[in-house]
């Protein structure tokens, strides 16, 4: 049926008004989102690894503004006392964040106190937007061991720099798999690498390649514990790290060797950077 010209004009006007209203609302929502302050996830996660291991209250460079926004959101949910809203992501803030993750129904590695993509997005709804997102990716098999896609990409680049293969002795997500690992392999981002057939110089070169792409990596020897010679590598800022592995990352930034005795770092000196920072270099 053909509408009269007056009815057709009225229908068109109503449709235009409706579409304009929808567009206007969407534009307003986009403007509101754009106006929100930003939480730099990379900086926040870095602080969550380093600050709990510091001997003082020194703030992680570049992280204060983002950490303050996260802490204020936790405080407003009565998970963190206002006196701890200070830009320092220490053990109190880590515990508060873990409790927030649990309040969302998250468990295990998803409630490890590290700001993950899912929990941080929910915490920031209507409060802040997230930049520099970190995602460890799905679990995959590599050489018969389980790792995640972020770790796999890091290992592939380290192999390229090293110029030869890096054979895994132990993967990630392996709770209780090796008691001498003391829980570091319970989560993601952590691997042990064989040094069979390598001389001293080659071992050092392998550790250096791993460090360059964003691993906290050390050559381990039998004098340190009941284990054979191997390289232990922990992916900096992997948000699925176990608590023990988080501590190793913090110690690496502080110039330590990642062992319980917290001795000085005995590996090759390189500029410490994450995988994301390496990719942007």
Protein backbone atom coordinates (compact mmCIF):
# COMPACT_ATOMS: atom_id res chain seq x y z
CA UNK A 1 0.00 0.00 0.00
CA UNK A 2 1.31 3.41 -0.96
CA UNK A 3 1.16 5.99 1.85
CA UNK A 4 -0.23 9.45 1.18
CA UNK A 5 2.52 12.00 0.73
CA UNK A 6 1.74 13.65 4.09
CA UNK A 7 1.88 10.31 5.94
CA UNK A 8 5.08 9.34 4.18
CA UNK A 9 6.68 12.62 5.16
CA UNK A 10 5.60 12.13 8.78
CA UNK A 11 6.98 8.59 8.83
CA UNK A 12 10.30 9.78 7.41
CA UNK A 13 10.50 12.54 10.00
CA UNK A 14 9.84 10.10 12.86
CA UNK A 15 12.44 7.67 11.49
CA UNK A 16 15.01 10.47 11.11
CA UNK A 17 14.34 11.68 14.65
CA UNK A 18 14.68 8.14 15.99
CA UNK A 19 17.93 7.51 14.16
CA UNK A 20 19.28 10.88 15.21
CA UNK A 21 18.42 10.07 18.81
CA UNK A 22 20.22 6.74 18.64
CA UNK A 23 23.24 8.32 17.00
CA UNK A 24 23.22 11.14 19.52
CA UNK A 25 23.09 8.70 22.43
CA UNK A 26 25.91 6.62 20.98
CA UNK A 27 28.00 9.71 20.38
CA UNK A 28 27.38 10.87 23.92
CA UNK A 29 28.36 7.48 25.31
CA UNK A 30 31.53 7.48 23.22
CA UNK A 31 32.35 10.99 24.42
CA UNK A 32 31.78 9.95 28.04
CA UNK A 33 34.08 6.94 27.59
CA UNK A 34 36.72 9.12 25.96
CA UNK A 35 36.55 11.53 28.89
CA UNK A 36 37.30 8.81 31.45
CA UNK A 37 40.82 8.72 32.92
CA UNK A 38 43.11 5.93 31.74
CA UNK A 39 44.65 3.03 33.61
CA UNK A 40 47.81 1.81 31.90
CA UNK A 41 47.56 -1.94 32.46
CA UNK A 42 51.22 -2.57 31.68
CA UNK A 43 52.36 -0.05 34.29
CA UNK A 44 49.85 -1.30 36.87
CA UNK A 45 50.85 -4.95 36.45
CA UNK A 46 54.52 -4.00 36.64
CA UNK A 47 53.90 -2.24 39.97
CA UNK A 48 51.94 -5.24 41.28
CA UNK A 49 55.03 -7.39 40.72
CA UNK A 50 57.73 -5.02 41.98
CA UNK A 51 56.19 -3.04 44.84
CA UNK A 52 55.50 -6.01 47.17
CA UNK A 53 59.21 -6.96 46.99
CA UNK A 54 60.63 -3.51 47.71
CA UNK A 55 62.36 -2.83 51.04
CA UNK A 56 60.76 0.64 51.10
CA UNK A 57 57.77 2.54 49.68
CA UNK A 58 59.42 3.71 46.47
CA UNK A 59 56.81 3.93 43.70
CA UNK A 60 57.24 2.12 40.41
CA UNK A 61 58.06 4.80 37.80
CA UNK A 62 55.14 5.63 35.53
CA UNK A 63 52.59 3.63 37.53
CA UNK A 64 51.35 5.99 40.25
CA UNK A 65 48.40 7.58 38.42
CA UNK A 66 47.06 4.22 37.24
CA UNK A 67 47.57 2.49 40.58
CA UNK A 68 45.75 5.33 42.37
CA UNK A 69 42.70 4.84 40.16
CA UNK A 70 42.69 1.10 40.84
CA UNK A 71 43.17 1.58 44.58
CA UNK A 72 40.40 4.19 44.78
CA UNK A 73 38.03 1.79 43.03
CA UNK A 74 38.94 -0.93 45.52
CA UNK A 75 38.51 1.50 48.41
CA UNK A 76 35.07 2.55 47.18
CA UNK A 77 34.11 -1.13 47.30
CA UNK A 78 35.33 -1.28 50.91
CA UNK A 79 38.09 -3.73 49.99
CA UNK A 80 40.97 -1.36 50.74
CA UNK A 81 41.31 1.14 53.55
CA UNK A 82 41.58 4.74 52.33
CA UNK A 83 45.02 5.13 53.89
CA UNK A 84 46.40 2.62 51.36
CA UNK A 85 45.23 4.65 48.35
CA UNK A 86 48.77 5.89 47.79
CA UNK A 87 49.93 4.71 44.35
CA UNK A 88 52.00 1.89 45.87
CA UNK A 89 50.81 -1.57 44.78
CA UNK A 90 52.16 -3.37 47.84
CA UNK A 91 51.01 -6.57 49.53
CA UNK A 92 47.93 -4.88 51.02
CA UNK A 93 46.73 -3.77 47.59
CA UNK A 94 47.56 -7.18 46.09
CA UNK A 95 45.41 -8.85 48.77
CA UNK A 96 42.60 -6.35 48.22
CA UNK A 97 42.70 -6.94 44.48
CA UNK A 98 42.64 -10.73 44.98
CA UNK A 99 39.58 -10.32 47.21
CA UNK A 100 37.93 -8.22 44.50
CA UNK A 101 38.66 -10.95 41.94
CA UNK A 102 37.10 -13.52 44.28
CA UNK A 103 34.03 -11.30 44.69
CA UNK A 104 33.53 -11.67 40.93
CA UNK A 105 33.49 -15.45 41.33
CA UNK A 106 37.01 -15.86 39.96
CA UNK A 107 39.24 -18.54 41.45
CA UNK A 108 42.75 -19.94 41.19
CA UNK A 109 45.09 -18.07 38.85
CA UNK A 110 42.28 -15.65 37.96
CA UNK A 111 42.28 -14.49 41.59
CA UNK A 112 46.04 -14.13 42.07
CA UNK A 113 46.02 -10.42 42.96
CA UNK A 114 47.43 -9.43 39.56
CA UNK A 115 45.18 -7.07 37.59
CA UNK A 116 43.97 -9.26 34.75
CA UNK A 117 42.09 -8.05 31.69
CA UNK A 118 38.67 -9.34 32.81
CA UNK A 119 38.78 -8.11 36.40
CA UNK A 120 40.37 -4.75 35.55
CA UNK A 121 37.74 -4.07 32.89
CA UNK A 122 34.95 -4.75 35.37
CA UNK A 123 36.60 -2.69 38.09
CA UNK A 124 36.90 0.25 35.72
CA UNK A 125 33.35 0.20 34.35
CA UNK A 126 32.19 3.82 34.34
CA UNK A 127 35.34 4.90 36.20
CA UNK A 128 38.34 4.49 33.91
CA UNK A 129 39.34 3.06 30.57
CA UNK A 130 42.21 0.61 30.10
CA UNK A 131 45.17 1.13 27.81
CA UNK A 132 48.15 -1.12 27.02
CA UNK A 133 46.19 -4.30 27.68
CA UNK A 134 48.14 -7.49 28.45
CA UNK A 135 46.65 -10.87 27.54
CA UNK A 136 48.58 -14.13 28.16
CA UNK A 137 46.38 -15.91 25.65
CA UNK A 138 45.14 -19.48 25.51
CA UNK A 139 47.00 -22.52 26.78
CA UNK A 140 48.80 -24.45 24.05
CA UNK A 141 51.17 -27.39 23.80
CA UNK A 142 54.84 -26.85 22.98
CA UNK A 143 57.32 -29.70 22.90
CA UNK A 144 54.98 -31.80 25.00
CA UNK A 145 54.54 -29.11 27.66
CA UNK A 146 51.71 -26.66 28.33
CA UNK A 147 52.41 -22.94 27.99
CA UNK A 148 50.31 -19.97 26.82
CA UNK A 149 50.42 -18.18 23.49
CA UNK A 150 52.24 -15.13 24.88
CA UNK A 151 54.99 -17.35 26.27
CA UNK A 152 55.15 -19.27 23.00
CA UNK A 153 55.68 -16.06 21.03
CA UNK A 154 58.39 -14.93 23.46
CA UNK A 155 60.22 -18.26 23.18
CA UNK A 156 60.04 -18.16 19.37
CA UNK A 157 61.67 -14.73 19.31
CA UNK A 158 64.30 -15.75 21.87
CA UNK A 159 65.16 -18.76 19.69
CA UNK A 160 65.55 -16.47 16.71
CA UNK A 161 67.93 -14.20 18.60
CA UNK A 162 69.82 -17.15 20.04
CA UNK A 163 70.19 -18.82 16.66
CA UNK A 164 69.34 -22.32 17.81
CA UNK A 165 66.57 -24.29 19.47
CA UNK A 166 65.56 -23.94 23.12
CA UNK A 167 64.28 -27.27 24.42
CA UNK A 168 61.85 -27.19 27.34
CA UNK A 169 62.38 -29.37 30.42
CA UNK A 170 59.25 -28.11 32.19
CA UNK A 171 56.32 -25.97 31.12
CA UNK A 172 53.71 -23.83 32.83
CA UNK A 173 50.45 -24.62 34.67
CA UNK A 174 52.18 -27.56 36.36
CA UNK A 175 51.19 -27.47 40.06
CA UNK A 176 53.19 -29.97 42.08
CA UNK A 177 55.01 -31.21 39.00
CA UNK A 178 58.44 -30.56 40.50
CA UNK A 179 58.72 -29.86 44.25
CA UNK A 180 62.06 -28.06 43.75
CA UNK A 181 60.25 -25.41 41.69
CA UNK A 182 58.47 -24.26 44.87
CA UNK A 183 55.27 -23.28 43.08
CA UNK A 184 56.78 -21.08 40.38
CA UNK A 185 55.43 -23.34 37.63
CA UNK A 186 51.93 -23.54 39.14
CA UNK A 187 50.75 -20.70 36.90
CA UNK A 188 51.52 -19.40 33.45
CA UNK A 189 54.59 -17.74 31.95
CA UNK A 190 57.25 -19.99 33.50
CA UNK A 191 59.45 -22.56 31.76
CA UNK A 192 62.64 -24.52 32.41
CA UNK A 193 65.01 -24.94 29.47
CA UNK A 194 67.59 -27.65 28.91
CA UNK A 195 71.25 -26.64 28.60
CA UNK A 196 72.42 -30.09 27.53
CA UNK A 197 75.27 -29.79 25.03
CA UNK A 198 75.85 -26.09 25.76
CA UNK A 199 79.15 -24.70 26.98
CA UNK A 200 79.40 -21.79 29.42
CA UNK A 201 79.35 -19.10 26.75
CA UNK A 202 76.37 -20.67 24.97
CA UNK A 203 74.41 -20.93 28.23
CA UNK A 204 75.00 -17.25 28.90
CA UNK A 205 73.96 -16.37 25.36
CA UNK A 206 70.71 -18.30 25.81
CA UNK A 207 69.91 -16.49 29.07
CA UNK A 208 70.67 -13.14 27.42
CA UNK A 209 68.32 -13.88 24.49
CA UNK A 210 65.54 -14.81 26.90
CA UNK A 211 66.05 -11.65 28.94
CA UNK A 212 66.05 -9.46 25.85
CA UNK A 213 62.51 -10.54 24.88
CA UNK A 214 61.02 -10.10 28.35
CA UNK A 215 61.86 -13.11 30.53
CA UNK A 216 63.42 -12.92 33.95
CA UNK A 217 65.86 -15.73 33.21
CA UNK A 218 68.66 -17.33 35.22
CA UNK A 219 71.06 -20.23 34.77
CA UNK A 220 70.46 -22.67 37.63
CA UNK A 221 73.11 -25.15 38.88
CA UNK A 222 73.13 -28.18 41.24
CA UNK A 223 74.92 -26.22 43.98
CA UNK A 224 71.82 -24.03 44.42
CA UNK A 225 69.32 -26.86 45.01
CA UNK A 226 68.49 -30.44 44.14
CA UNK A 227 68.21 -29.86 40.41
CA UNK A 228 70.38 -30.33 37.30
CA UNK A 229 71.87 -27.49 35.26
CA UNK A 230 69.04 -25.67 33.47
CA UNK A 231 67.69 -22.21 32.63
CA UNK A 232 64.70 -20.99 34.59
CA UNK A 233 62.70 -18.33 32.72
CA UNK A 234 59.68 -16.37 33.99
CA UNK A 235 57.72 -14.14 31.61
CA UNK A 236 57.54 -10.62 33.04
CA UNK A 237 53.97 -9.29 33.42
CA UNK A 238 52.20 -12.52 32.53
CA UNK A 239 48.94 -11.97 34.43
CA UNK A 240 48.50 -15.72 35.07
CA UNK A 241 51.71 -16.00 37.14
CA UNK A 242 51.61 -17.87 40.43
CA UNK A 243 52.36 -15.85 43.55
CA UNK A 244 55.86 -17.34 43.79
CA UNK A 245 56.60 -16.42 40.17
CA UNK A 246 55.32 -12.88 40.77
CA UNK A 247 57.91 -12.57 43.54
CA UNK A 248 60.66 -13.73 41.18
CA UNK A 249 59.77 -10.97 38.73
CA UNK A 250 59.85 -8.35 41.46
CA UNK A 251 63.23 -9.58 42.62
CA UNK A 252 64.57 -9.52 39.05
CA UNK A 253 63.68 -5.84 38.75
CA UNK A 254 65.45 -5.25 42.06
CA UNK A 255 68.67 -6.91 40.89
CA UNK A 256 68.22 -10.24 42.68
CA UNK A 257 68.51 -13.86 41.55
CA UNK A 258 64.93 -15.06 42.06
CA UNK A 259 65.87 -17.65 44.69
CA UNK A 260 64.56 -17.78 48.25
CA UNK A 261 67.86 -16.45 49.62
CA UNK A 262 67.40 -13.32 47.47
CA UNK A 263 71.05 -13.13 46.44
CA UNK A 264 72.39 -10.77 43.78
CA UNK A 265 71.47 -11.37 40.14
CA UNK A 266 74.13 -13.60 38.56
CA UNK A 267 72.95 -13.36 34.96
CA UNK A 268 74.02 -11.23 31.99
CA UNK A 269 73.11 -7.56 32.32
CA UNK A 270 70.49 -6.33 29.85
CA UNK A 271 67.92 -3.55 29.90
CA UNK A 272 64.87 -5.01 31.62
CA UNK A 273 61.80 -4.89 29.43
CA UNK A 274 58.52 -6.73 29.01
CA UNK A 275 57.46 -8.59 25.87
CA UNK A 276 55.18 -5.69 24.96
CA UNK A 277 58.02 -3.19 25.41
CA UNK A 278 60.31 -5.38 23.30
CA UNK A 279 57.79 -5.40 20.48
CA UNK A 280 57.58 -1.59 20.53
CA UNK A 281 61.33 -1.03 20.60
